C-alpha atoms as a PDB file:
ATOM      1  CA  UNK A   1     211.010  14.661 140.411  1.00  0.00           C
ATOM      2  CA  UNK A   2     212.561  15.501 143.768  1.00  0.00           C
ATOM      3  CA  UNK A   3     215.487  13.462 145.099  1.00  0.00           C
ATOM      4  CA  UNK A   4     217.367  13.606 148.391  1.00  0.00           C
ATOM      5  CA  UNK A   5     220.504  11.491 148.638  1.00  0.00           C
ATOM      6  CA  UNK A   6     222.949  10.866 151.476  1.00  0.00           C
ATOM      7  CA  UNK A   7     226.581  11.093 150.409  1.00  0.00           C
ATOM      8  CA  UNK A   8     229.825   9.700 151.733  1.00  0.00           C
ATOM      9  CA  UNK A   9     231.715  12.168 153.892  1.00  0.00           C
ATOM     10  CA  UNK A  10     234.285  13.337 151.374  1.00  0.00           C
ATOM     11  CA  UNK A  11     235.627  16.676 150.168  1.00  0.00           C
ATOM     12  CA  UNK A  12     233.662  18.535 147.528  1.00  0.00           C
ATOM     13  CA  UNK A  13     235.573  19.369 144.347  1.00  0.00           C
ATOM     14  CA  UNK A  14     235.646  23.083 145.074  1.00  0.00           C
ATOM     15  CA  UNK A  15     237.967  23.750 142.153  1.00  0.00           C
ATOM     16  CA  UNK A  16     235.271  22.580 139.740  1.00  0.00           C
ATOM     17  CA  UNK A  17     232.486  24.570 141.393  1.00  0.00           C
ATOM     18  CA  UNK A  18     232.757  27.692 139.130  1.00  0.00           C
ATOM     19  CA  UNK A  19     232.217  25.466 136.067  1.00  0.00           C
ATOM     20  CA  UNK A  20     229.192  23.728 137.560  1.00  0.00           C
ATOM     21  CA  UNK A  21     226.605  25.947 135.768  1.00  0.00           C
ATOM     22  CA  UNK A  22     228.088  24.803 132.446  1.00  0.00           C
ATOM     23  CA  UNK A  23     227.523  21.163 133.461  1.00  0.00           C
ATOM     24  CA  UNK A  24     223.956  22.004 134.452  1.00  0.00           C
ATOM     25  CA  UNK A  25     223.432  23.704 131.099  1.00  0.00           C
ATOM     26  CA  UNK A  26     224.330  20.429 129.363  1.00  0.00           C
ATOM     27  CA  UNK A  27     221.526  18.845 131.383  1.00  0.00           C
ATOM     28  CA  UNK A  28     219.055  21.474 130.161  1.00  0.00           C
ATOM     29  CA  UNK A  29     219.196  23.504 133.371  1.00  0.00           C
ATOM     30  CA  UNK A  30     219.683  27.274 133.369  1.00  0.00           C
ATOM     31  CA  UNK A  31     220.992  28.880 136.566  1.00  0.00           C
ATOM     32  CA  UNK A  32     219.335  32.043 137.888  1.00  0.00           C
ATOM     33  CA  UNK A  33     221.009  32.537 141.263  1.00  0.00           C
ATOM     34  CA  UNK A  34     223.321  30.825 143.728  1.00  0.00           C
ATOM     35  CA  UNK A  35     224.446  31.130 147.327  1.00  0.00           C
ATOM     36  CA  UNK A  36     227.210  29.395 149.244  1.00  0.00           C
ATOM     37  CA  UNK A  37     227.253  29.567 153.037  1.00  0.00           C
ATOM     38  CA  UNK A  38     230.503  28.471 154.660  1.00  0.00           C
ATOM     39  CA  UNK A  39     230.693  28.086 158.434  1.00  0.00           C
ATOM     40  CA  UNK A  40     234.036  28.864 160.013  1.00  0.00           C
ATOM     41  CA  UNK A  41     233.324  29.278 163.723  1.00  0.00           C
ATOM     42  CA  UNK A  42     232.599  31.825 165.012  1.00  0.00           C
ATOM     43  CA  UNK A  43     231.808  33.226 161.545  1.00  0.00           C
ATOM     44  CA  UNK A  44     229.384  32.110 158.865  1.00  0.00           C
ATOM     45  CA  UNK A  45     230.022  33.717 155.479  1.00  0.00           C
ATOM     46  CA  UNK A  46     227.624  33.701 152.521  1.00  0.00           C
ATOM     47  CA  UNK A  47     228.839  34.143 148.936  1.00  0.00           C
ATOM     48  CA  UNK A  48     226.602  34.893 145.972  1.00  0.00           C
ATOM     49  CA  UNK A  49     228.896  33.633 143.235  1.00  0.00           C
ATOM     50  CA  UNK A  50     230.466  30.213 142.914  1.00  0.00           C
ATOM     51  CA  UNK A  51     233.747  31.778 141.821  1.00  0.00           C
ATOM     52  CA  UNK A  52     234.053  33.824 145.001  1.00  0.00           C
ATOM     53  CA  UNK A  53     233.288  30.828 147.214  1.00  0.00           C
ATOM     54  CA  UNK A  54     235.812  28.614 145.410  1.00  0.00           C
ATOM     55  CA  UNK A  55     238.483  31.306 145.655  1.00  0.00           C
ATOM     56  CA  UNK A  56     237.933  31.716 149.393  1.00  0.00           C
ATOM     57  CA  UNK A  57     238.177  27.949 149.908  1.00  0.00           C
ATOM     58  CA  UNK A  58     241.406  27.938 147.910  1.00  0.00           C
ATOM     59  CA  UNK A  59     242.832  30.513 150.333  1.00  0.00           C
ATOM     60  CA  UNK A  60     241.412  29.275 153.652  1.00  0.00           C
ATOM     61  CA  UNK A  61     241.226  25.546 153.044  1.00  0.00           C
ATOM     62  CA  UNK A  62     238.421  23.053 152.550  1.00  0.00           C
ATOM     63  CA  UNK A  63     235.511  23.622 154.973  1.00  0.00           C
ATOM     64  CA  UNK A  64     233.787  20.874 156.907  1.00  0.00           C
ATOM     65  CA  UNK A  65     230.487  22.756 157.231  1.00  0.00           C
ATOM     66  CA  UNK A  66     228.803  24.454 154.303  1.00  0.00           C
ATOM     67  CA  UNK A  67     225.559  24.846 152.380  1.00  0.00           C
ATOM     68  CA  UNK A  68     225.300  25.408 148.637  1.00  0.00           C
ATOM     69  CA  UNK A  69     222.030  26.516 146.995  1.00  0.00           C
ATOM     70  CA  UNK A  70     221.453  26.779 143.254  1.00  0.00           C
ATOM     71  CA  UNK A  71     218.167  27.910 141.705  1.00  0.00           C
ATOM     72  CA  UNK A  72     217.137  27.894 138.065  1.00  0.00           C
ATOM     73  CA  UNK A  73     214.839  26.499 135.403  1.00  0.00           C
ATOM     74  CA  UNK A  74     214.496  23.201 133.550  1.00  0.00           C
ATOM     75  CA  UNK A  75     211.936  22.927 130.741  1.00  0.00           C
ATOM     76  CA  UNK A  76     210.355  26.166 132.001  1.00  0.00           C
ATOM     77  CA  UNK A  77     209.854  24.585 135.418  1.00  0.00           C
ATOM     78  CA  UNK A  78     211.549  25.495 138.690  1.00  0.00           C
ATOM     79  CA  UNK A  79     214.776  23.733 139.575  1.00  0.00           C
ATOM     80  CA  UNK A  80     216.770  23.832 142.791  1.00  0.00           C
ATOM     81  CA  UNK A  81     219.818  22.035 144.096  1.00  0.00           C
ATOM     82  CA  UNK A  82     221.301  22.076 147.566  1.00  0.00           C
ATOM     83  CA  UNK A  83     224.433  20.450 148.937  1.00  0.00           C
ATOM     84  CA  UNK A  84     224.779  20.479 152.705  1.00  0.00           C
ATOM     85  CA  UNK A  85     227.538  19.263 154.980  1.00  0.00           C
ATOM     86  CA  UNK A  86     227.108  19.742 158.726  1.00  0.00           C
ATOM     87  CA  UNK A  87     226.605  18.026 162.079  1.00  0.00           C
ATOM     88  CA  UNK A  88     223.169  17.032 163.390  1.00  0.00           C
ATOM     89  CA  UNK A  89     221.862  17.443 166.936  1.00  0.00           C
ATOM     90  CA  UNK A  90     223.284  14.027 167.860  1.00  0.00           C
ATOM     91  CA  UNK A  91     226.803  15.104 166.900  1.00  0.00           C
ATOM     92  CA  UNK A  92     226.795  12.957 163.749  1.00  0.00           C
ATOM     93  CA  UNK A  93     228.385  14.415 160.623  1.00  0.00           C
ATOM     94  CA  UNK A  94     226.439  14.222 157.386  1.00  0.00           C
ATOM     95  CA  UNK A  95     226.665  15.240 153.731  1.00  0.00           C
ATOM     96  CA  UNK A  96     223.594  15.214 151.523  1.00  0.00           C
ATOM     97  CA  UNK A  97     222.407  16.547 148.189  1.00  0.00           C
ATOM     98  CA  UNK A  98     218.836  17.481 147.263  1.00  0.00           C
ATOM     99  CA  UNK A  99     217.485  18.222 143.787  1.00  0.00           C
ATOM    100  CA  UNK A 100     213.962  19.322 142.848  1.00  0.00           C
ATOM    101  CA  UNK A 101     212.508  19.472 139.354  1.00  0.00           C
ATOM    102  CA  UNK A 102     214.914  17.031 137.676  1.00  0.00           C
ATOM    103  CA  UNK A 103     213.640  14.457 135.190  1.00  0.00           C
ATOM    104  CA  UNK A 104     215.487  11.378 136.433  1.00  0.00           C
ATOM    105  CA  UNK A 105     218.100  10.165 138.889  1.00  0.00           C
ATOM    106  CA  UNK A 106     220.767  10.011 136.180  1.00  0.00           C
ATOM    107  CA  UNK A 107     220.832  13.815 136.155  1.00  0.00           C
ATOM    108  CA  UNK A 108     221.666  13.796 139.860  1.00  0.00           C
ATOM    109  CA  UNK A 109     224.336  11.142 139.243  1.00  0.00           C
ATOM    110  CA  UNK A 110     225.964  13.454 136.679  1.00  0.00           C
ATOM    111  CA  UNK A 111     225.924  16.417 139.072  1.00  0.00           C
ATOM    112  CA  UNK A 112     227.428  14.395 141.905  1.00  0.00           C
ATOM    113  CA  UNK A 113     230.140  12.993 139.665  1.00  0.00           C
ATOM    114  CA  UNK A 114     231.114  16.510 138.598  1.00  0.00           C
ATOM    115  CA  UNK A 115     231.266  17.718 142.206  1.00  0.00           C
ATOM    116  CA  UNK A 116     233.254  14.685 143.358  1.00  0.00           C
ATOM    117  CA  UNK A 117     230.466  13.291 145.534  1.00  0.00           C
ATOM    118  CA  UNK A 118     229.559   9.631 146.041  1.00  0.00           C
ATOM    119  CA  UNK A 119     226.311   8.149 147.285  1.00  0.00           C
ATOM    120  CA  UNK A 120     226.565   6.703 150.758  1.00  0.00           C
ATOM    121  CA  UNK A 121     226.147   2.964 151.179  1.00  0.00           C
ATOM    122  CA  UNK A 122     223.571   1.440 153.519  1.00  0.00           C
ATOM    123  CA  UNK A 123     225.040   0.113 156.745  1.00  0.00           C
ATOM    124  CA  UNK A 124     225.036  -3.657 156.789  1.00  0.00           C
ATOM    125  CA  UNK A 125     225.019  -4.967 160.324  1.00  0.00           C
ATOM    126  CA  UNK A 126     227.266  -7.964 160.858  1.00  0.00           C
ATOM    127  CA  UNK A 127     225.321 -11.185 161.397  1.00  0.00           C
ATOM    128  CA  UNK A 128     225.078 -12.438 164.929  1.00  0.00           C
ATOM    129  CA  UNK A 129     227.452 -15.345 165.536  1.00  0.00           C
ATOM    130  CA  UNK A 130     225.854 -18.771 165.356  1.00  0.00           C
ATOM    131  CA  UNK A 131     224.621 -19.988 168.712  1.00  0.00           C
ATOM    132  CA  UNK A 132     226.058 -23.489 168.427  1.00  0.00           C
ATOM    133  CA  UNK A 133     228.407 -24.822 171.084  1.00  0.00           C
ATOM    134  CA  UNK A 134     230.478 -27.957 171.636  1.00  0.00           C
ATOM    135  CA  UNK A 135     231.240 -29.069 175.196  1.00  0.00           C
ATOM    136  CA  UNK A 136     234.352 -31.203 175.690  1.00  0.00           C
ATOM    137  CA  UNK A 137     234.551 -33.041 179.025  1.00  0.00           C
ATOM    138  CA  UNK A 138     235.604 -36.271 180.690  1.00  0.00           C
ATOM    139  CA  UNK A 139     233.045 -39.021 180.242  1.00  0.00           C
ATOM    140  CA  UNK A 140     233.004 -39.988 183.915  1.00  0.00           C
ATOM    141  CA  UNK A 141     230.340 -39.040 186.467  1.00  0.00           C
ATOM    142  CA  UNK A 142     231.860 -35.682 187.417  1.00  0.00           C
ATOM    143  CA  UNK A 143     232.555 -34.593 183.856  1.00  0.00           C
ATOM    144  CA  UNK A 144     229.143 -35.650 182.574  1.00  0.00           C
ATOM    145  CA  UNK A 145     227.300 -33.977 185.457  1.00  0.00           C
ATOM    146  CA  UNK A 146     229.130 -30.674 184.924  1.00  0.00           C
ATOM    147  CA  UNK A 147     228.569 -30.887 181.169  1.00  0.00           C
ATOM    148  CA  UNK A 148     224.824 -31.406 181.627  1.00  0.00           C
ATOM    149  CA  UNK A 149     224.566 -28.346 183.886  1.00  0.00           C
ATOM    150  CA  UNK A 150     226.529 -26.166 181.468  1.00  0.00           C
ATOM    151  CA  UNK A 151     224.498 -27.441 178.508  1.00  0.00           C
ATOM    152  CA  UNK A 152     221.244 -26.583 180.274  1.00  0.00           C
ATOM    153  CA  UNK A 153     222.522 -23.080 181.040  1.00  0.00           C
ATOM    154  CA  UNK A 154     223.607 -22.500 177.437  1.00  0.00           C
ATOM    155  CA  UNK A 155     220.290 -23.792 176.096  1.00  0.00           C
ATOM    156  CA  UNK A 156     218.434 -21.306 178.313  1.00  0.00           C
ATOM    157  CA  UNK A 157     220.268 -18.431 176.607  1.00  0.00           C
ATOM    158  CA  UNK A 158     219.567 -19.748 173.142  1.00  0.00           C
ATOM    159  CA  UNK A 159     222.452 -22.070 172.288  1.00  0.00           C
ATOM    160  CA  UNK A 160     222.254 -25.424 170.579  1.00  0.00           C
ATOM    161  CA  UNK A 161     224.686 -27.685 172.430  1.00  0.00           C
ATOM    162  CA  UNK A 162     226.593 -30.729 171.170  1.00  0.00           C
ATOM    163  CA  UNK A 163     228.961 -33.053 173.047  1.00  0.00           C
ATOM    164  CA  UNK A 164     231.082 -36.015 172.045  1.00  0.00           C
ATOM    165  CA  UNK A 165     228.886 -38.501 173.925  1.00  0.00           C
ATOM    166  CA  UNK A 166     226.259 -39.379 171.315  1.00  0.00           C
ATOM    167  CA  UNK A 167     227.010 -42.426 169.178  1.00  0.00           C
ATOM    168  CA  UNK A 168     228.240 -42.071 165.592  1.00  0.00           C
ATOM    169  CA  UNK A 169     229.395 -44.917 163.282  1.00  0.00           C
ATOM    170  CA  UNK A 170     232.966 -43.655 163.022  1.00  0.00           C
ATOM    171  CA  UNK A 171     236.107 -43.393 165.136  1.00  0.00           C
ATOM    172  CA  UNK A 172     235.973 -41.291 168.296  1.00  0.00           C
ATOM    173  CA  UNK A 173     238.560 -38.894 166.890  1.00  0.00           C
ATOM    174  CA  UNK A 174     236.648 -38.424 163.634  1.00  0.00           C
ATOM    175  CA  UNK A 175     233.331 -38.022 165.439  1.00  0.00           C
ATOM    176  CA  UNK A 176     234.658 -35.412 167.863  1.00  0.00           C
ATOM    177  CA  UNK A 177     236.474 -33.462 165.165  1.00  0.00           C
ATOM    178  CA  UNK A 178     233.387 -33.301 162.932  1.00  0.00           C
ATOM    179  CA  UNK A 179     231.212 -32.109 165.791  1.00  0.00           C
ATOM    180  CA  UNK A 180     233.690 -29.469 166.906  1.00  0.00           C
ATOM    181  CA  UNK A 181     234.104 -28.101 163.383  1.00  0.00           C
ATOM    182  CA  UNK A 182     230.330 -27.724 162.994  1.00  0.00           C
ATOM    183  CA  UNK A 183     229.981 -25.568 166.115  1.00  0.00           C
ATOM    184  CA  UNK A 184     230.721 -21.859 166.531  1.00  0.00           C
ATOM    185  CA  UNK A 185     232.237 -21.931 170.023  1.00  0.00           C
ATOM    186  CA  UNK A 186     233.982 -24.575 172.145  1.00  0.00           C
ATOM    187  CA  UNK A 187     233.665 -25.079 175.902  1.00  0.00           C
ATOM    188  CA  UNK A 188     236.139 -27.289 177.757  1.00  0.00           C
ATOM    189  CA  UNK A 189     235.348 -28.554 181.263  1.00  0.00           C
ATOM    190  CA  UNK A 190     238.410 -29.735 183.187  1.00  0.00           C
ATOM    191  CA  UNK A 191     237.534 -32.062 186.072  1.00  0.00           C
ATOM    192  CA  UNK A 192     239.683 -34.523 188.073  1.00  0.00           C
ATOM    193  CA  UNK A 193     240.215 -37.974 186.595  1.00  0.00           C
ATOM    194  CA  UNK A 194     241.860 -40.025 183.887  1.00  0.00           C
ATOM    195  CA  UNK A 195     239.956 -40.525 180.652  1.00  0.00           C
ATOM    196  CA  UNK A 196     241.440 -41.737 177.363  1.00  0.00           C
ATOM    197  CA  UNK A 197     238.485 -40.349 175.387  1.00  0.00           C
ATOM    198  CA  UNK A 198     239.045 -36.942 176.985  1.00  0.00           C
ATOM    199  CA  UNK A 199     242.659 -37.007 175.774  1.00  0.00           C
ATOM    200  CA  UNK A 200     241.347 -37.575 172.239  1.00  0.00           C
ATOM    201  CA  UNK A 201     239.068 -34.541 172.558  1.00  0.00           C
ATOM    202  CA  UNK A 202     241.904 -32.407 173.937  1.00  0.00           C
ATOM    203  CA  UNK A 203     244.253 -33.235 171.068  1.00  0.00           C
ATOM    204  CA  UNK A 204     241.580 -32.471 168.455  1.00  0.00           C
ATOM    205  CA  UNK A 205     240.725 -29.132 170.075  1.00  0.00           C
ATOM    206  CA  UNK A 206     244.334 -28.124 169.500  1.00  0.00           C
ATOM    207  CA  UNK A 207     243.857 -28.699 165.759  1.00  0.00           C
ATOM    208  CA  UNK A 208     240.732 -26.540 165.447  1.00  0.00           C
ATOM    209  CA  UNK A 209     241.673 -22.960 164.611  1.00  0.00           C
ATOM    210  CA  UNK A 210     239.666 -19.748 164.613  1.00  0.00           C
ATOM    211  CA  UNK A 211     236.969 -20.763 167.101  1.00  0.00           C
ATOM    212  CA  UNK A 212     236.449 -19.127 170.511  1.00  0.00           C
ATOM    213  CA  UNK A 213     237.536 -21.433 173.335  1.00  0.00           C
ATOM    214  CA  UNK A 214     236.216 -21.076 176.892  1.00  0.00           C
ATOM    215  CA  UNK A 215     237.840 -23.271 179.555  1.00  0.00           C
ATOM    216  CA  UNK A 216     236.105 -24.002 182.870  1.00  0.00           C
ATOM    217  CA  UNK A 217     238.529 -25.638 185.346  1.00  0.00           C
ATOM    218  CA  UNK A 218     237.726 -27.345 188.622  1.00  0.00           C
ATOM    219  CA  UNK A 219     239.981 -25.794 191.277  1.00  0.00           C
ATOM    220  CA  UNK A 220     241.775 -29.013 192.233  1.00  0.00           C
ATOM    221  CA  UNK A 221     242.754 -29.927 188.666  1.00  0.00           C
ATOM    222  CA  UNK A 222     246.403 -29.358 187.841  1.00  0.00           C
ATOM    223  CA  UNK A 223     246.687 -27.324 184.655  1.00  0.00           C
ATOM    224  CA  UNK A 224     249.647 -29.003 183.005  1.00  0.00           C
ATOM    225  CA  UNK A 225     251.584 -27.388 180.164  1.00  0.00           C
ATOM    226  CA  UNK A 226     250.136 -28.537 176.870  1.00  0.00           C
ATOM    227  CA  UNK A 227     247.547 -27.720 174.269  1.00  0.00           C
ATOM    228  CA  UNK A 228     245.249 -25.746 176.600  1.00  0.00           C
ATOM    229  CA  UNK A 229     247.790 -24.460 179.100  1.00  0.00           C
ATOM    230  CA  UNK A 230     248.206 -20.954 177.675  1.00  0.00           C
ATOM    231  CA  UNK A 231     244.474 -20.172 177.762  1.00  0.00           C
ATOM    232  CA  UNK A 232     242.774 -18.178 180.492  1.00  0.00           C
ATOM    233  CA  UNK A 233     240.255 -20.268 182.415  1.00  0.00           C
ATOM    234  CA  UNK A 234     237.230 -19.905 184.680  1.00  0.00           C
ATOM    235  CA  UNK A 235     237.645 -21.682 188.066  1.00  0.00           C
ATOM    236  CA  UNK A 236     234.821 -23.525 189.841  1.00  0.00           C
ATOM    237  CA  UNK A 237     234.168 -25.969 192.685  1.00  0.00           C
ATOM    238  CA  UNK A 238     233.193 -29.484 191.647  1.00  0.00           C
ATOM    239  CA  UNK A 239     229.937 -29.254 193.597  1.00  0.00           C
ATOM    240  CA  UNK A 240     228.983 -25.898 192.090  1.00  0.00           C
ATOM    241  CA  UNK A 241     229.941 -25.266 188.465  1.00  0.00           C
ATOM    242  CA  UNK A 242     227.222 -22.600 188.393  1.00  0.00           C
ATOM    243  CA  UNK A 243     229.593 -20.113 190.078  1.00  0.00           C
ATOM    244  CA  UNK A 244     231.373 -19.810 186.737  1.00  0.00           C
ATOM    245  CA  UNK A 245     228.268 -18.955 184.710  1.00  0.00           C
ATOM    246  CA  UNK A 246     228.576 -15.200 185.310  1.00  0.00           C
ATOM    247  CA  UNK A 247     232.094 -15.231 183.893  1.00  0.00           C
ATOM    248  CA  UNK A 248     230.784 -17.244 180.930  1.00  0.00           C
ATOM    249  CA  UNK A 249     228.160 -14.552 180.281  1.00  0.00           C
ATOM    250  CA  UNK A 250     230.889 -11.921 180.333  1.00  0.00           C
ATOM    251  CA  UNK A 251     232.898 -13.931 177.814  1.00  0.00           C
ATOM    252  CA  UNK A 252     229.902 -14.447 175.533  1.00  0.00           C
ATOM    253  CA  UNK A 253     229.134 -10.751 175.644  1.00  0.00           C
ATOM    254  CA  UNK A 254     232.718  -9.965 174.667  1.00  0.00           C
ATOM    255  CA  UNK A 255     232.330 -12.323 171.691  1.00  0.00           C
ATOM    256  CA  UNK A 256     229.137 -10.573 170.548  1.00  0.00           C
ATOM    257  CA  UNK A 257     226.615 -13.211 171.594  1.00  0.00           C
ATOM    258  CA  UNK A 258     224.877 -11.047 174.177  1.00  0.00           C
ATOM    259  CA  UNK A 259     223.780  -7.420 174.109  1.00  0.00           C
ATOM    260  CA  UNK A 260     222.749  -5.470 177.178  1.00  0.00           C
ATOM    261  CA  UNK A 261     221.335  -1.935 177.052  1.00  0.00           C
END
């Protein structure tokens, strides 16, 4: 069996290296020859005993680039082990171990444990944030018109959009709160006017924590101190909310919703 395994970038247990053949012997492996190449720019030094290499590391310090080769026999068959730490052509550091001729992966586990090495863990990419948005707005003509335009824009870039307009058999406050809590991101459109339902939405938004909040404000609206007053906002003209869409894209990209090469 041949196994190659990527390891976490950690320091090898150089102090234990001279005793490594004894550990291999317990696994039924006899060692015939070894070599240890240590790179210390501009020099690259090769040692032919593990003791000499470990002693040099003790004097000079732990290297960040090296290659260890061990050759021998296991059950009258060829065995080899290599441990390599270096930098690839992309400038990425790596540490890997390769064994040929071993009977099972447990043997490699034992060798790594003795040398102080750990298997690397696969990279788990974070999930993309949910593309669900709530739009809070005044329920008059201006607010509804701006909300519809923003909703259409968000739907074109893959968002599912919810507002507080649709009927639900519960109080306005309860309905709005439930819908906000179910969405991943909140948009607030500030337009001129007086709207009691809007005030309900505004107060509930202040209670919702941990969700991104993007405010789009019509230029003539006075931004009074209150729940939303300390947030940065995107300005727009009442007749052209689309001028703020570029800034919205920038904000969504910052939040991880959009990726551009």
